[in-house]
Structures are given as C-alpha cells and as structure tokens.
Amino acid sequence: MNSHLESTTFEAVAETMRPPQGDGWDYLVIAGIFASMFALAWAALATPLLQPLVDVARRQHWTMLWVRPTVIWITMGMLLLLLRTVLWLLYRPFAAVRAEEAPSLTVIIPAYNESARVEHAIASVAAASYPQGRLQIIVVDDGSTDDTWHHIKNAALRFSARVTPLRLPANLGKRGALAEGFRRATGEIIVTVDSDSVIERGALLAIVGPFRDPRVGAVAGKVAVHNRRAGLIPRMLHVRFILSFDYLRSAQSVFSTVYCCPGALAAYRASVVRQVLPAWERQSFLGAPCTYGEDRALTNDILARGYDTVYQRSAVVHTLVPETYSKLCRMFLRWDRSYIREEFRFARIVWKRPLFSRVLAFYESTITNLRYPVAYGSIALWTVNAFADPAALVRMLLAIMVVSLVYVLYYLRSERSWDFVFGILYAYFSFFALTWIFPYAALTVRARGWLTR
C-alpha cells in the first residue's frame, strides 16, 4: 500500500469526522439533543409509557419489586444523560505539541498473525509528523505462525533507523508482548498501536499534548473504523465507536477519569508504566491469570497511582473491526469479561480520585452498571406482558427507536453523515442479537482464551 496515498485518504476521512463547532448546524443539533432529552424524560415519567409495566405489577405483585427500582433508575439515568451532555459540550481537545518541544517517544506495536497488515501499521507510524530523532518504534512478533515476521523485517529494512524488530519464540499473548516492548522502551512517553490499525499523520504530536500536565498518566486516542464500508456490522460499529469516544470519553475526560485508554491507540507516561509493570504483567482474577483486557487494566493501575487519564480527540487511529457475527461476539465477550473484572477494581480505585472526579465517576459508574439488572429485569417484564398484551412488543420496539434517535444526534454532531441510520439499526441488532453476551461473560468471567487465536 502506498503510505502517502493512505495517509492522504485517512486525513480526508478524518476531516469529515471532526465536529465543526459554532455554525448553525452545530447549534441546531445541540438544541435538538436537549429537546429530545426533555421529551424523553416527559414521555417516560409523565405519560403512560411505563403503564404496561405497572399493570403487570398490579396483576402479579412480586413484579412491583422490580418496577419501582426501574422507575428510579430511569430517573437517575436521565440525569446522567444530562450530566454527560453538559460535560461533552465542555470538552475541548488538548493542544498538540510542536515538533521542537516533542519529548522522546516510543511506539510499541504488538503483532500476532497479522501478515501484511503489520507493515501498514508500521509505515503509518514511521510516516507520522514527529521528529524522527526522538521516535523509537518497537514491533513485537508474538510468536506468529504465518509470515508476520517477514513483513516486520521488511518494514525494519525500510525504516532501519527507527524500527526495532523483536521476535518472541512463543506466543505470550498481547499483554506479554506489550510487556516486552515496555521493558525495551527508551522514550519519556510510550504509545501503543494495534497491528491492524493505521494512525493519522498528526496523531503522535496530538497524543503527546496532554502530558504537558504532570498529573496526566495516560491518554486515550480516538478510534475510528477502518473497514467501515466492508459490510453492515462494520458500519454499525463505526457509529458505536464514534459515540464511545467522541461522546463518552469526551465527558469522562472533563473530570480526568477516562476508564479505558484503548490498545488501538493510547499513550502512557513511561515512568508510571515502569511503576505498575510487574503487577500488571502478573495480574490475576479469581485465581486465573488475566490474558486480555490489558488496556483497561493498565488504565486502572495508572488511576490507582493517582494520575489522571484523559481523551485526545485529535489523535486518531483507524482500526479493523469484525465483519461477521461470530467474530463480533468473540470481541464483545473479551470486552465484557474484562469490563466485569476491572469494574470490581475500579470500585476500589474511585475513592482515591480527587473529590470532583470521585463524585462524578462514582455516579456515572453506579448508574451505568445498574443498567444490567434493570435492563434484563425490564426485558423479562415486557416479555411477560407481551403474552397478555401483544401491543407491548410494539411499544418496546418504538421505545428502542426513540432512545436510539436521541443518541444518534450526538453522532450527527461528530459526523454529518447519513451513516447515523446504522446507529438506529445497531440498537435493534444489539437488543436481539447481542443481549445474551453480558450474562454469558459474567458466567465465564474466569475464561482465559483470547477467542481469536
């Protein structure tokens, strides 16, 4: 692949993803968001929308134990939506560093059976706008059984002054491969990039910017879907990713507590990584070694040390996502298992955060996690009610539509694209095809398999 053409293409795509602020469309979308929030709250709390659940509770009194907490959670959830929206509007990207002030930087790219894709990842980092004398690129072949090492060696020959190839004799897993890279890193800042991902030219200068503040220990980059045109699943995931980063992480960044700096593109203060590396590498949960969720685990370790974690919207990486249902389920199983494990850890860490961050993070985390028992209980009640009142199913489908429309407004501020319709499709797809994953992940939380290896 021609790296110059690739970079130009990604820069053009990125321009469509950056929210123009201050024009009429921006104000219209923001007004629409607040109007839809208040309309949603009014519909949920001041109309008979929830009446079917109340009717079920009256017929079967045991269900009242679930209806009342559900109504309370909906109220608290609406307040959380309002809070996140205010924080999202307050968020501003950090200024990128200038080339002359850029600190020494090490980029680590772990690879396992990535074949030619790893060479594209390396080329994107080598072509980044960063002073070459301050840039070290470490590429770790994690015991690949295909031609990945061949492509790593090719890249090392092309960019000999910058690329350090490292081949592990056996597969250690992504955490082990990263640990080997961390030990060999010489930069003040360490950046991780997935081997199936390509960064934009300005990503490195941008992601180093927040480290001007000595309190910052880790920075999350923005992850966009590289293969978004490859099918329905990638198109839906692209909308989900934009909401996850430009909405959720933007809000979390305002109170300096981004919960997960993603492996696809994240930056860490090297001195902090060295402090937490031994415990992170040996992490276990319920007696089983932890083999995935290394990015969330490292973020938690850095928060536990008292450092801030923030989001940098202008540091963009384009990554590959699953194109089939089976691979998508495997990805979400890994994510949900690590989410459960790390949420237990975060429940202890949150009390160490500064007061402002502590209050907001505790409220957000509590309401977010309560959605699981509330959601699954509500689905059960709707199902019971559907037998007595088939129209309940129609109301439920309409409710999914209304809520998804509220969220795609956030997407429309980030990307002025008709792709927002895939966000609505994803809401239904998630409800009918992915609801089973979290309970199964909870029941198999000790599983160690990567599911793709």
Protein backbone atom coordinates (compact mmCIF):
# COMPACT_ATOMS: atom_id res chain seq x y z
CA MET A 1 0.00 0.00 0.00
CA ASN A 2 1.30 3.44 -0.83
CA SER A 3 1.76 5.06 2.58
CA HIS A 4 1.46 8.60 1.23
CA LEU A 5 -1.84 7.88 -0.50
CA GLU A 6 -3.06 6.00 2.56
CA SER A 7 -2.24 8.93 4.85
CA THR A 8 -3.93 11.37 2.49
CA THR A 9 -7.05 9.20 2.40
CA PHE A 10 -7.20 8.96 6.18
CA GLU A 11 -6.69 12.69 6.59
CA ALA A 12 -9.60 13.33 4.22
CA VAL A 13 -11.79 10.90 6.14
CA ALA A 14 -10.74 12.49 9.41
CA GLU A 15 -11.81 15.92 8.25
CA THR A 16 -15.37 14.61 7.89
CA MET A 17 -15.19 13.23 11.43
CA ARG A 18 -14.15 16.41 13.21
CA PRO A 19 -17.18 18.29 14.52
CA PRO A 20 -17.34 21.84 13.14
CA GLN A 21 -18.39 23.90 16.13
CA GLY A 22 -20.15 27.21 16.25
CA ASP A 23 -22.12 27.11 12.99
CA GLY A 24 -25.88 26.87 12.56
CA TRP A 25 -25.92 23.09 12.21
CA ASP A 26 -23.97 22.68 15.42
CA TYR A 27 -26.39 24.85 17.37
CA LEU A 28 -29.34 23.04 15.81
CA VAL A 29 -28.03 19.61 16.80
CA ILE A 30 -27.29 20.74 20.35
CA ALA A 31 -30.77 22.24 20.66
CA GLY A 32 -32.23 19.00 19.29
CA ILE A 33 -30.30 16.98 21.86
CA PHE A 34 -31.63 18.95 24.81
CA ALA A 35 -35.16 19.00 23.39
CA SER A 36 -35.10 15.23 22.84
CA MET A 37 -33.78 14.63 26.36
CA PHE A 38 -36.59 16.59 27.95
CA ALA A 39 -39.13 14.97 25.63
CA LEU A 40 -37.81 11.54 26.56
CA ALA A 41 -37.97 12.34 30.27
CA TRP A 42 -41.52 13.64 29.89
CA ALA A 43 -42.58 10.55 27.93
CA ALA A 44 -41.04 8.19 30.47
CA LEU A 45 -42.19 9.89 33.65
CA ALA A 46 -45.28 11.94 32.80
CA THR A 47 -47.11 9.76 30.26
CA PRO A 48 -48.49 6.20 30.32
CA LEU A 49 -45.36 4.88 28.54
CA LEU A 50 -44.45 2.72 31.53
CA GLN A 51 -48.06 1.89 32.36
CA PRO A 52 -47.83 -1.65 30.93
CA LEU A 53 -45.14 -2.47 33.49
CA VAL A 54 -47.28 -1.03 36.27
CA ASP A 55 -50.24 -3.12 35.05
CA VAL A 56 -48.12 -6.26 35.18
CA ALA A 57 -47.06 -5.36 38.72
CA ARG A 58 -50.67 -4.95 39.79
CA ARG A 59 -51.61 -8.34 38.36
CA GLN A 60 -48.51 -10.05 39.70
CA HIS A 61 -47.49 -8.27 42.88
CA TRP A 62 -43.99 -9.78 43.03
CA THR A 63 -43.00 -7.75 39.98
CA MET A 64 -43.51 -4.50 41.88
CA LEU A 65 -40.14 -5.26 43.45
CA TRP A 66 -38.71 -4.63 40.01
CA VAL A 67 -40.94 -1.85 38.68
CA ARG A 68 -40.17 0.69 41.38
CA PRO A 69 -36.36 0.35 41.11
CA THR A 70 -36.73 0.56 37.33
CA VAL A 71 -38.58 3.88 37.53
CA ILE A 72 -35.96 5.22 39.96
CA TRP A 73 -33.14 4.07 37.65
CA ILE A 74 -34.80 5.70 34.64
CA THR A 75 -34.96 8.98 36.55
CA MET A 76 -31.32 8.75 37.60
CA GLY A 77 -30.36 7.67 34.08
CA MET A 78 -31.98 10.76 32.59
CA LEU A 79 -29.98 12.91 35.00
CA LEU A 80 -26.83 11.06 33.94
CA LEU A 81 -27.64 11.70 30.28
CA LEU A 82 -28.00 15.40 31.04
CA LEU A 83 -24.76 15.44 33.03
CA ARG A 84 -22.81 13.65 30.30
CA THR A 85 -24.18 16.04 27.70
CA VAL A 86 -23.03 19.09 29.65
CA LEU A 87 -19.56 17.55 30.14
CA TRP A 88 -19.45 16.58 26.45
CA LEU A 89 -20.12 20.20 25.48
CA LEU A 90 -17.43 21.42 27.87
CA TYR A 91 -14.77 19.10 26.42
CA ARG A 92 -12.00 20.62 24.32
CA PRO A 93 -9.09 18.72 22.73
CA PHE A 94 -5.65 19.43 24.12
CA ALA A 95 -3.19 21.40 22.01
CA ALA A 96 -0.72 19.20 20.16
CA VAL A 97 2.96 19.63 20.95
CA ARG A 98 5.16 21.47 18.49
CA ALA A 99 7.88 19.43 16.81
CA GLU A 100 10.65 21.39 18.57
CA GLU A 101 9.21 20.60 22.03
CA ALA A 102 8.26 16.98 21.38
CA PRO A 103 9.57 14.58 24.05
CA SER A 104 11.29 11.30 23.23
CA LEU A 105 8.64 8.78 22.22
CA THR A 106 8.44 5.00 21.91
CA VAL A 107 5.67 3.40 19.87
CA ILE A 108 5.04 -0.30 20.57
CA ILE A 109 3.20 -2.43 18.01
CA PRO A 110 2.46 -5.99 19.20
CA ALA A 111 1.57 -8.39 16.37
CA TYR A 112 0.29 -11.93 16.09
CA ASN A 113 -0.52 -13.49 12.71
CA GLU A 114 -1.26 -10.12 11.13
CA SER A 115 0.65 -10.77 7.88
CA ALA A 116 0.94 -7.65 5.66
CA ARG A 117 -1.31 -5.55 7.90
CA VAL A 118 1.50 -5.08 10.40
CA GLU A 119 3.65 -3.45 7.73
CA HIS A 120 0.92 -0.90 7.03
CA ALA A 121 0.70 -0.14 10.77
CA ILE A 122 4.47 0.37 10.99
CA ALA A 123 4.50 2.56 7.86
CA SER A 124 1.81 4.82 9.30
CA VAL A 125 3.83 5.37 12.47
CA ALA A 126 7.07 5.93 10.56
CA ALA A 127 5.31 8.50 8.33
CA ALA A 128 3.81 10.37 11.30
CA SER A 129 4.67 14.01 11.83
CA TYR A 130 7.12 13.51 14.68
CA PRO A 131 10.83 14.37 14.97
CA GLN A 132 12.50 11.20 13.74
CA GLY A 133 15.46 11.53 16.11
CA ARG A 134 13.06 11.32 19.06
CA LEU A 135 10.95 8.43 17.76
CA GLN A 136 11.57 4.77 18.57
CA ILE A 137 9.31 2.09 17.04
CA ILE A 138 9.36 -1.36 18.65
CA VAL A 139 7.48 -4.10 16.78
CA VAL A 140 6.95 -7.32 18.72
CA ASP A 141 6.14 -10.52 16.83
CA ASP A 142 4.28 -12.52 19.46
CA GLY A 143 5.23 -15.98 18.19
CA SER A 144 3.32 -15.69 14.90
CA THR A 145 2.90 -18.82 12.78
CA ASP A 146 2.33 -17.01 9.46
CA ASP A 147 4.50 -14.52 7.52
CA THR A 148 4.13 -11.67 10.03
CA TRP A 149 7.85 -11.73 10.89
CA HIS A 150 8.71 -11.42 7.18
CA HIS A 151 6.67 -8.21 6.94
CA ILE A 152 8.17 -6.86 10.17
CA LYS A 153 11.69 -7.41 8.78
CA ASN A 154 10.70 -5.69 5.53
CA ALA A 155 9.50 -2.67 7.49
CA ALA A 156 12.67 -2.69 9.58
CA LEU A 157 14.73 -2.52 6.38
CA ARG A 158 12.59 0.35 5.01
CA PHE A 159 12.78 2.37 8.23
CA SER A 160 16.02 0.99 9.65
CA ALA A 161 16.89 3.98 11.84
CA ARG A 162 13.55 3.93 13.63
CA VAL A 163 12.20 0.36 13.78
CA THR A 164 13.41 -2.21 16.32
CA PRO A 165 12.03 -5.68 15.46
CA LEU A 166 11.60 -8.15 18.28
CA ARG A 167 10.57 -11.78 17.80
CA LEU A 168 9.28 -13.84 20.73
CA PRO A 169 9.98 -17.60 20.49
CA ALA A 170 6.45 -18.46 21.67
CA ASN A 171 3.09 -16.75 21.86
CA LEU A 172 2.83 -14.88 25.18
CA GLY A 173 -0.42 -13.08 24.41
CA LYS A 174 -0.86 -9.36 23.83
CA ARG A 175 -0.09 -8.45 27.46
CA GLY A 176 3.17 -10.38 27.36
CA ALA A 177 4.16 -8.87 24.01
CA LEU A 178 3.47 -5.36 25.27
CA ALA A 179 5.46 -6.04 28.44
CA GLU A 180 8.49 -6.99 26.35
CA GLY A 181 8.11 -3.73 24.45
CA PHE A 182 7.67 -1.70 27.64
CA ARG A 183 10.92 -3.09 29.04
CA ARG A 184 12.85 -2.02 25.93
CA ALA A 185 11.24 1.40 25.56
CA THR A 186 13.55 4.38 25.91
CA GLY A 187 11.07 7.23 25.36
CA GLU A 188 9.61 9.51 28.01
CA ILE A 189 6.19 8.70 26.57
CA ILE A 190 5.09 5.26 25.37
CA VAL A 191 2.37 4.84 22.75
CA THR A 192 0.68 1.55 21.88
CA VAL A 193 -0.78 0.92 18.44
CA ASP A 194 -2.56 -2.26 17.34
CA SER A 195 -1.02 -4.13 14.42
CA ASP A 196 -4.28 -4.00 12.42
CA SER A 197 -4.52 -0.22 12.78
CA VAL A 198 -3.20 2.86 10.97
CA ILE A 199 -2.67 6.21 12.67
CA GLU A 200 -3.10 9.63 11.11
CA ARG A 201 -0.03 11.78 10.45
CA GLY A 202 -0.72 14.17 13.31
CA ALA A 203 -1.72 11.53 15.85
CA LEU A 204 1.60 11.31 17.71
CA LEU A 205 2.10 15.04 18.18
CA ALA A 206 -1.53 15.27 19.27
CA ILE A 207 -1.50 12.40 21.76
CA VAL A 208 1.62 13.72 23.50
CA GLY A 209 0.00 17.13 24.06
CA PRO A 210 -1.85 16.33 27.31
CA PHE A 211 1.39 15.21 29.01
CA ARG A 212 2.36 18.86 29.48
CA ASP A 213 0.27 18.46 32.63
CA PRO A 214 2.38 16.39 35.09
CA ARG A 215 -0.81 14.94 36.58
CA VAL A 216 -1.67 13.10 33.32
CA GLY A 217 -0.55 9.49 33.30
CA ALA A 218 -2.40 8.12 30.27
CA VAL A 219 -4.18 9.43 27.18
CA ALA A 220 -6.84 7.72 25.07
CA GLY A 221 -6.80 8.32 21.34
CA LYS A 222 -9.85 8.35 19.09
CA VAL A 223 -10.65 5.05 17.38
CA ALA A 224 -12.49 5.04 14.05
CA VAL A 225 -13.40 2.01 11.95
CA HIS A 226 -11.01 1.43 9.05
CA ASN A 227 -13.19 -1.12 7.22
CA ARG A 228 -16.46 0.72 7.81
CA ARG A 229 -17.57 0.18 4.17
CA ALA A 230 -16.99 -3.59 4.30
CA GLY A 231 -20.46 -4.55 5.49
CA LEU A 232 -23.37 -3.86 7.80
CA ILE A 233 -21.59 -4.85 11.02
CA PRO A 234 -18.60 -2.51 10.48
CA ARG A 235 -20.96 0.33 9.53
CA MET A 236 -22.91 -0.13 12.75
CA LEU A 237 -19.74 -0.43 14.80
CA HIS A 238 -18.40 2.80 13.36
CA VAL A 239 -21.36 4.71 14.81
CA ARG A 240 -20.92 2.89 18.11
CA PHE A 241 -17.20 3.74 18.22
CA ILE A 242 -17.79 7.43 17.49
CA LEU A 243 -20.31 7.58 20.35
CA SER A 244 -17.97 5.67 22.65
CA PHE A 245 -15.12 8.09 22.05
CA ASP A 246 -16.46 11.49 20.97
CA TYR A 247 -19.33 11.31 23.45
CA LEU A 248 -18.50 9.07 26.42
CA ARG A 249 -14.73 9.58 26.63
CA SER A 250 -15.09 13.30 25.97
CA ALA A 251 -17.35 13.56 29.00
CA GLN A 252 -15.06 11.40 31.16
CA SER A 253 -12.04 13.47 30.12
CA VAL A 254 -13.56 16.62 31.62
CA PHE A 255 -13.27 15.05 35.08
CA SER A 256 -9.92 13.45 34.17
CA THR A 257 -11.09 9.86 34.61
CA VAL A 258 -11.26 8.06 31.28
CA TYR A 259 -11.91 4.47 32.29
CA CYS A 260 -10.17 2.76 29.38
CA CYS A 261 -7.33 4.01 27.18
CA PRO A 262 -7.73 1.65 24.20
CA GLY A 263 -4.97 -0.58 22.92
CA ALA A 264 -5.58 0.59 19.36
CA LEU A 265 -4.10 3.98 20.29
CA ALA A 266 -3.11 5.03 23.80
CA ALA A 267 -0.19 6.90 25.34
CA TYR A 268 1.39 6.45 28.77
CA ARG A 269 3.96 8.27 30.87
CA ALA A 270 6.89 5.83 30.81
CA SER A 271 7.88 6.44 34.44
CA VAL A 272 4.38 5.44 35.56
CA VAL A 273 4.33 2.32 33.37
CA ARG A 274 7.56 1.14 35.00
CA GLN A 275 5.97 1.53 38.42
CA VAL A 276 2.96 -0.64 37.61
CA LEU A 277 4.51 -3.06 35.09
CA PRO A 278 5.29 -6.00 37.44
CA ALA A 279 1.81 -6.14 38.99
CA TRP A 280 0.09 -5.51 35.63
CA GLU A 281 2.02 -8.32 33.98
CA ARG A 282 1.15 -10.80 36.74
CA GLN A 283 -2.49 -9.74 37.19
CA SER A 284 -4.96 -12.47 38.09
CA PHE A 285 -8.68 -12.56 38.83
CA LEU A 286 -10.42 -15.24 40.92
CA GLY A 287 -7.24 -17.26 40.77
CA ALA A 288 -6.93 -17.19 36.96
CA PRO A 289 -4.20 -15.21 35.12
CA CYS A 290 -5.60 -12.29 33.12
CA THR A 291 -4.84 -12.65 29.42
CA TYR A 292 -7.00 -9.92 27.88
CA GLY A 293 -8.40 -6.52 28.84
CA GLU A 294 -4.81 -5.34 29.25
CA ASP A 295 -5.70 -1.77 28.22
CA ARG A 296 -8.43 -1.31 30.81
CA ALA A 297 -6.24 -2.99 33.45
CA LEU A 298 -3.31 -0.65 32.73
CA THR A 299 -5.63 2.36 32.85
CA ASN A 300 -6.88 1.23 36.25
CA ASP A 301 -3.32 0.76 37.50
CA ILE A 302 -2.43 4.31 36.46
CA LEU A 303 -5.56 5.76 38.08
CA ALA A 304 -4.74 3.83 41.25
CA ARG A 305 -1.35 5.62 41.34
CA GLY A 306 -3.18 8.95 41.50
CA TYR A 307 -2.64 10.06 37.90
CA ASP A 308 -5.28 11.47 35.57
CA THR A 309 -6.44 9.78 32.37
CA VAL A 310 -7.80 11.93 29.55
CA TYR A 311 -9.06 11.75 25.96
CA GLN A 312 -7.45 13.41 22.94
CA ARG A 313 -9.97 13.71 20.10
CA SER A 314 -7.38 14.93 17.60
CA ALA A 315 -5.23 11.79 17.92
CA VAL A 316 -6.98 9.42 15.51
CA VAL A 317 -6.38 5.78 14.62
CA HIS A 318 -8.28 3.72 12.05
CA THR A 319 -8.69 0.09 13.09
CA LEU A 320 -10.19 -3.06 11.66
CA VAL A 321 -13.31 -4.47 13.29
CA PRO A 322 -15.11 -7.82 12.87
CA GLU A 323 -17.18 -8.25 9.74
CA THR A 324 -19.01 -11.41 10.84
CA TYR A 325 -21.39 -12.07 13.70
CA SER A 326 -19.26 -14.84 15.24
CA LYS A 327 -16.12 -12.69 15.37
CA LEU A 328 -18.12 -9.77 16.75
CA CYS A 329 -19.44 -11.95 19.58
CA ARG A 330 -15.92 -13.08 20.44
CA MET A 331 -14.74 -9.49 20.61
CA PHE A 332 -17.59 -8.44 22.88
CA LEU A 333 -17.09 -11.49 25.10
CA ARG A 334 -13.48 -10.42 25.71
CA TRP A 335 -14.54 -6.85 26.33
CA ASP A 336 -17.38 -7.74 28.71
CA ARG A 337 -15.29 -10.20 30.71
CA SER A 338 -12.55 -7.63 31.21
CA TYR A 339 -15.18 -4.95 31.90
CA ILE A 340 -16.65 -7.01 34.76
CA ARG A 341 -13.23 -7.72 36.22
CA GLU A 342 -11.99 -4.15 36.01
CA GLU A 343 -15.22 -2.62 37.32
CA PHE A 344 -14.66 -4.50 40.58
CA ARG A 345 -11.18 -2.96 40.73
CA PHE A 346 -12.43 0.50 39.81
CA ALA A 347 -14.96 0.37 42.65
CA ARG A 348 -11.97 0.48 45.00
CA ILE A 349 -9.88 2.90 42.94
CA VAL A 350 -12.59 5.56 42.54
CA TRP A 351 -12.29 6.58 46.21
CA LYS A 352 -8.69 7.66 45.57
CA ARG A 353 -9.68 10.20 42.94
CA PRO A 354 -9.94 13.94 43.74
CA LEU A 355 -13.35 14.94 45.11
CA PHE A 356 -14.80 16.34 41.86
CA SER A 357 -13.64 13.35 39.83
CA ARG A 358 -14.66 10.92 42.56
CA VAL A 359 -18.25 12.15 42.77
CA LEU A 360 -18.81 12.20 39.00
CA ALA A 361 -17.06 8.88 38.37
CA PHE A 362 -18.92 7.15 41.19
CA TYR A 363 -22.29 8.42 40.00
CA GLU A 364 -21.62 7.55 36.36
CA SER A 365 -20.22 4.10 37.15
CA THR A 366 -23.05 3.24 39.55
CA ILE A 367 -25.88 4.23 37.20
CA THR A 368 -24.14 2.62 34.23
CA ASN A 369 -23.70 -0.71 36.00
CA LEU A 370 -27.23 -0.73 37.37
CA ARG A 371 -28.45 -0.81 33.78
CA TYR A 372 -27.67 -4.51 33.60
CA PRO A 373 -30.07 -5.83 36.28
CA VAL A 374 -32.63 -3.15 35.38
CA ALA A 375 -32.45 -3.84 31.65
CA TYR A 376 -32.66 -7.61 31.92
CA GLY A 377 -35.44 -7.39 34.50
CA SER A 378 -37.38 -4.98 32.29
CA ILE A 379 -36.98 -7.28 29.30
CA ALA A 380 -38.42 -10.11 31.37
CA LEU A 381 -41.38 -7.95 32.43
CA TRP A 382 -42.03 -6.79 28.87
CA THR A 383 -41.95 -10.42 27.75
CA VAL A 384 -44.45 -11.44 30.42
CA ASN A 385 -46.68 -8.52 29.50
CA ALA A 386 -46.46 -9.32 25.77
CA PHE A 387 -48.37 -12.56 26.31
CA ALA A 388 -51.31 -10.66 27.82
CA ASP A 389 -50.93 -7.58 25.61
CA PRO A 390 -49.19 -8.16 22.23
CA ALA A 391 -49.11 -4.39 21.68
CA ALA A 392 -46.47 -4.27 24.40
CA LEU A 393 -43.94 -5.60 21.89
CA VAL A 394 -44.73 -2.75 19.50
CA ARG A 395 -44.29 -0.22 22.30
CA MET A 396 -40.95 -1.77 23.20
CA LEU A 397 -39.73 -1.56 19.59
CA LEU A 398 -40.83 2.07 19.43
CA ALA A 399 -39.02 2.78 22.70
CA ILE A 400 -35.78 1.38 21.22
CA MET A 401 -36.27 3.60 18.18
CA VAL A 402 -36.82 6.75 20.27
CA VAL A 403 -33.81 6.18 22.53
CA SER A 404 -31.54 5.37 19.58
CA LEU A 405 -32.65 8.56 17.81
CA VAL A 406 -31.55 10.58 20.84
CA TYR A 407 -28.08 9.04 20.75
CA VAL A 408 -27.55 9.42 17.01
CA LEU A 409 -27.92 13.17 17.47
CA TYR A 410 -24.56 13.06 19.28
CA TYR A 411 -23.15 11.18 16.30
CA LEU A 412 -24.52 13.77 13.89
CA ARG A 413 -22.55 16.48 15.66
CA SER A 414 -19.34 14.49 15.17
CA GLU A 415 -20.09 13.28 11.66
CA ARG A 416 -22.56 14.95 9.35
CA SER A 417 -23.35 11.73 7.58
CA TRP A 418 -26.33 9.61 6.66
CA ASP A 419 -24.50 6.78 8.39
CA PHE A 420 -26.44 7.75 11.51
CA VAL A 421 -29.14 5.31 10.34
CA PHE A 422 -26.72 2.49 11.16
CA GLY A 423 -26.80 3.66 14.75
CA ILE A 424 -30.54 3.00 14.82
CA LEU A 425 -30.03 -0.40 13.21
CA TYR A 426 -27.36 -1.18 15.80
CA ALA A 427 -29.82 -0.53 18.64
CA TYR A 428 -32.13 -3.26 17.31
CA PHE A 429 -29.24 -5.54 16.38
CA SER A 430 -27.78 -5.22 19.87
CA PHE A 431 -31.14 -5.90 21.52
CA PHE A 432 -31.98 -9.02 19.54
CA ALA A 433 -28.53 -10.45 18.76
CA LEU A 434 -26.13 -9.32 21.48
CA THR A 435 -28.16 -9.21 24.70
CA TRP A 436 -27.01 -12.71 25.65
CA ILE A 437 -23.31 -11.80 25.68
CA PHE A 438 -23.04 -9.95 29.00
CA PRO A 439 -24.75 -12.65 31.12
CA TYR A 440 -22.62 -15.32 29.44
CA ALA A 441 -19.48 -13.22 30.01
CA ALA A 442 -20.41 -12.90 33.69
CA LEU A 443 -20.81 -16.66 34.00
CA THR A 444 -17.48 -17.33 32.26
CA VAL A 445 -15.52 -14.37 33.62
CA ARG A 446 -12.54 -16.58 34.56
CA ALA A 447 -12.08 -17.81 30.98
CA ARG A 448 -8.60 -17.08 29.62
CA GLY A 449 -8.95 -17.79 25.89
CA TRP A 450 -8.42 -14.85 23.51
CA LEU A 451 -11.07 -16.42 21.20
CA THR A 452 -9.25 -15.33 18.06
CA ARG A 453 -6.02 -17.28 18.45
